[in-house]
Amino acid sequence: MLNPAANGTLSGFSLDEAARIALEVAAHPNQPVRCPRCGAWMHVTAGGDGGRRIWILRCDATGRGLVFQQQLPGARWHRTPARGLPR
């Protein structure tokens, strides 16, 4: 979800930037990540429930953030239909 910035514009990463960040973090989970917009180090928080890992990344310099989840090897996804969509 995008959050309004102080100047009235939307802040967030493009889908291409988000995909590059997610791939980098998933491939090298213990290495720091730089913001693709400004080059500053991003704050990374990770947690999980045994079947998946949730990553929260934020750049304090730009105010942009990203949340994604990664399925861990051997884990099974539980499919939940979206509300309002045909099954």
C-alpha atoms as a PDB file:
ATOM      1  CA  MET A   1       0.000   0.000   0.000  1.00  0.00           C
ATOM      2  CA  LEU A   2       1.277   3.464  -0.833  1.00  0.00           C
ATOM      3  CA  ASN A   3       1.313   6.174   1.817  1.00  0.00           C
ATOM      4  CA  PRO A   4       0.916   9.876   1.103  1.00  0.00           C
ATOM      5  CA  ALA A   5       4.194  11.728   1.610  1.00  0.00           C
ATOM      6  CA  ALA A   6       4.464  15.093   3.341  1.00  0.00           C
ATOM      7  CA  ASN A   7       4.535  16.915  -0.012  1.00  0.00           C
ATOM      8  CA  GLY A   8       1.229  15.362  -1.108  1.00  0.00           C
ATOM      9  CA  THR A   9       2.717  12.858  -3.563  1.00  0.00           C
ATOM     10  CA  LEU A  10       2.574   9.095  -3.209  1.00  0.00           C
ATOM     11  CA  SER A  11       5.663   7.366  -1.909  1.00  0.00           C
ATOM     12  CA  GLY A  12       6.543   3.806  -2.753  1.00  0.00           C
ATOM     13  CA  PHE A  13       8.668   1.738  -5.063  1.00  0.00           C
ATOM     14  CA  SER A  14       7.795   0.821  -8.626  1.00  0.00           C
ATOM     15  CA  LEU A  15       6.921  -2.824  -9.244  1.00  0.00           C
ATOM     16  CA  ASP A  16      10.311  -3.316 -10.934  1.00  0.00           C
ATOM     17  CA  GLU A  17      12.138  -1.812  -7.945  1.00  0.00           C
ATOM     18  CA  ALA A  18      10.081  -3.893  -5.498  1.00  0.00           C
ATOM     19  CA  ALA A  19      10.801  -7.089  -7.443  1.00  0.00           C
ATOM     20  CA  ARG A  20      14.554  -6.352  -7.518  1.00  0.00           C
ATOM     21  CA  ILE A  21      14.593  -5.633  -3.768  1.00  0.00           C
ATOM     22  CA  ALA A  22      12.602  -8.790  -2.954  1.00  0.00           C
ATOM     23  CA  LEU A  23      14.864 -10.984  -5.101  1.00  0.00           C
ATOM     24  CA  GLU A  24      18.000  -9.478  -3.550  1.00  0.00           C
ATOM     25  CA  VAL A  25      16.752  -9.951   0.012  1.00  0.00           C
ATOM     26  CA  ALA A  26      15.511 -13.510  -0.626  1.00  0.00           C
ATOM     27  CA  ALA A  27      18.814 -14.504  -2.271  1.00  0.00           C
ATOM     28  CA  HIS A  28      21.025 -12.861   0.381  1.00  0.00           C
ATOM     29  CA  PRO A  29      18.926 -12.549   3.568  1.00  0.00           C
ATOM     30  CA  ASN A  30      21.791 -11.574   5.881  1.00  0.00           C
ATOM     31  CA  GLN A  31      23.217  -8.794   3.724  1.00  0.00           C
ATOM     32  CA  PRO A  32      22.181  -5.137   3.937  1.00  0.00           C
ATOM     33  CA  VAL A  33      20.079  -3.654   1.139  1.00  0.00           C
ATOM     34  CA  ARG A  34      20.400  -0.212  -0.421  1.00  0.00           C
ATOM     35  CA  CYS A  35      17.437   1.895  -1.514  1.00  0.00           C
ATOM     36  CA  PRO A  36      17.218   1.858  -5.318  1.00  0.00           C
ATOM     37  CA  ARG A  37      16.149   5.524  -5.319  1.00  0.00           C
ATOM     38  CA  CYS A  38      18.795   7.165  -3.126  1.00  0.00           C
ATOM     39  CA  GLY A  39      21.387   4.506  -2.246  1.00  0.00           C
ATOM     40  CA  ALA A  40      20.879   4.781   1.537  1.00  0.00           C
ATOM     41  CA  TRP A  41      20.836   1.594   3.615  1.00  0.00           C
ATOM     42  CA  MET A  42      17.305   0.340   4.237  1.00  0.00           C
ATOM     43  CA  HIS A  43      16.037  -0.852   7.615  1.00  0.00           C
ATOM     44  CA  VAL A  44      15.156  -4.549   7.322  1.00  0.00           C
ATOM     45  CA  THR A  45      12.852  -6.407   9.717  1.00  0.00           C
ATOM     46  CA  ALA A  46      12.040 -10.079   9.211  1.00  0.00           C
ATOM     47  CA  GLY A  47       9.786 -12.544  10.961  1.00  0.00           C
ATOM     48  CA  GLY A  48       7.872 -15.675  10.159  1.00  0.00           C
ATOM     49  CA  ASP A  49       5.726 -18.552  11.241  1.00  0.00           C
ATOM     50  CA  GLY A  50       7.751 -21.563  10.104  1.00  0.00           C
ATOM     51  CA  GLY A  51       6.169 -21.792   6.656  1.00  0.00           C
ATOM     52  CA  ARG A  52       6.925 -18.320   5.426  1.00  0.00           C
ATOM     53  CA  ARG A  53       9.106 -15.350   6.156  1.00  0.00           C
ATOM     54  CA  ILE A  54       7.738 -11.795   6.137  1.00  0.00           C
ATOM     55  CA  TRP A  55      10.115  -8.962   5.238  1.00  0.00           C
ATOM     56  CA  ILE A  56       9.527  -5.273   6.005  1.00  0.00           C
ATOM     57  CA  LEU A  57      11.975  -2.809   4.452  1.00  0.00           C
ATOM     58  CA  ARG A  58      12.019   0.961   4.824  1.00  0.00           C
ATOM     59  CA  CYS A  59      14.251   3.775   3.626  1.00  0.00           C
ATOM     60  CA  ASP A  60      14.309   6.644   6.124  1.00  0.00           C
ATOM     61  CA  ALA A  61      15.825   9.012   3.565  1.00  0.00           C
ATOM     62  CA  THR A  62      13.007   8.695   1.014  1.00  0.00           C
ATOM     63  CA  GLY A  63      10.196   7.401   3.239  1.00  0.00           C
ATOM     64  CA  ARG A  64       9.576   4.513   0.859  1.00  0.00           C
ATOM     65  CA  GLY A  65       8.803   1.051   2.154  1.00  0.00           C
ATOM     66  CA  LEU A  66       8.073  -2.477   1.031  1.00  0.00           C
ATOM     67  CA  VAL A  67       6.511  -5.582   2.605  1.00  0.00           C
ATOM     68  CA  PHE A  68       6.750  -9.027   1.020  1.00  0.00           C
ATOM     69  CA  GLN A  69       6.559 -12.663   2.032  1.00  0.00           C
ATOM     70  CA  GLN A  70       8.661 -15.636   1.017  1.00  0.00           C
ATOM     71  CA  GLN A  71       7.603 -19.277   1.184  1.00  0.00           C
ATOM     72  CA  LEU A  72      10.263 -21.324   2.952  1.00  0.00           C
ATOM     73  CA  PRO A  73      11.480 -24.616   1.457  1.00  0.00           C
ATOM     74  CA  GLY A  74       9.207 -27.535   2.300  1.00  0.00           C
ATOM     75  CA  ALA A  75       6.381 -25.289   3.506  1.00  0.00           C
ATOM     76  CA  ARG A  76       2.858 -25.494   2.117  1.00  0.00           C
ATOM     77  CA  TRP A  77       0.728 -22.464   1.273  1.00  0.00           C
ATOM     78  CA  HIS A  78      -2.835 -22.305   2.505  1.00  0.00           C
ATOM     79  CA  ARG A  79      -4.915 -20.853  -0.309  1.00  0.00           C
ATOM     80  CA  THR A  80      -7.500 -18.316   0.789  1.00  0.00           C
ATOM     81  CA  PRO A  81      -9.874 -16.927  -1.858  1.00  0.00           C
ATOM     82  CA  ALA A  82     -10.027 -13.146  -2.133  1.00  0.00           C
ATOM     83  CA  ARG A  83     -13.287 -11.609  -0.984  1.00  0.00           C
ATOM     84  CA  GLY A  84     -15.713 -10.576  -3.682  1.00  0.00           C
ATOM     85  CA  LEU A  85     -14.037 -12.625  -6.407  1.00  0.00           C
ATOM     86  CA  PRO A  86     -15.518 -15.754  -7.949  1.00  0.00           C
ATOM     87  CA  ARG A  87     -13.954 -18.984  -6.737  1.00  0.00           C
END
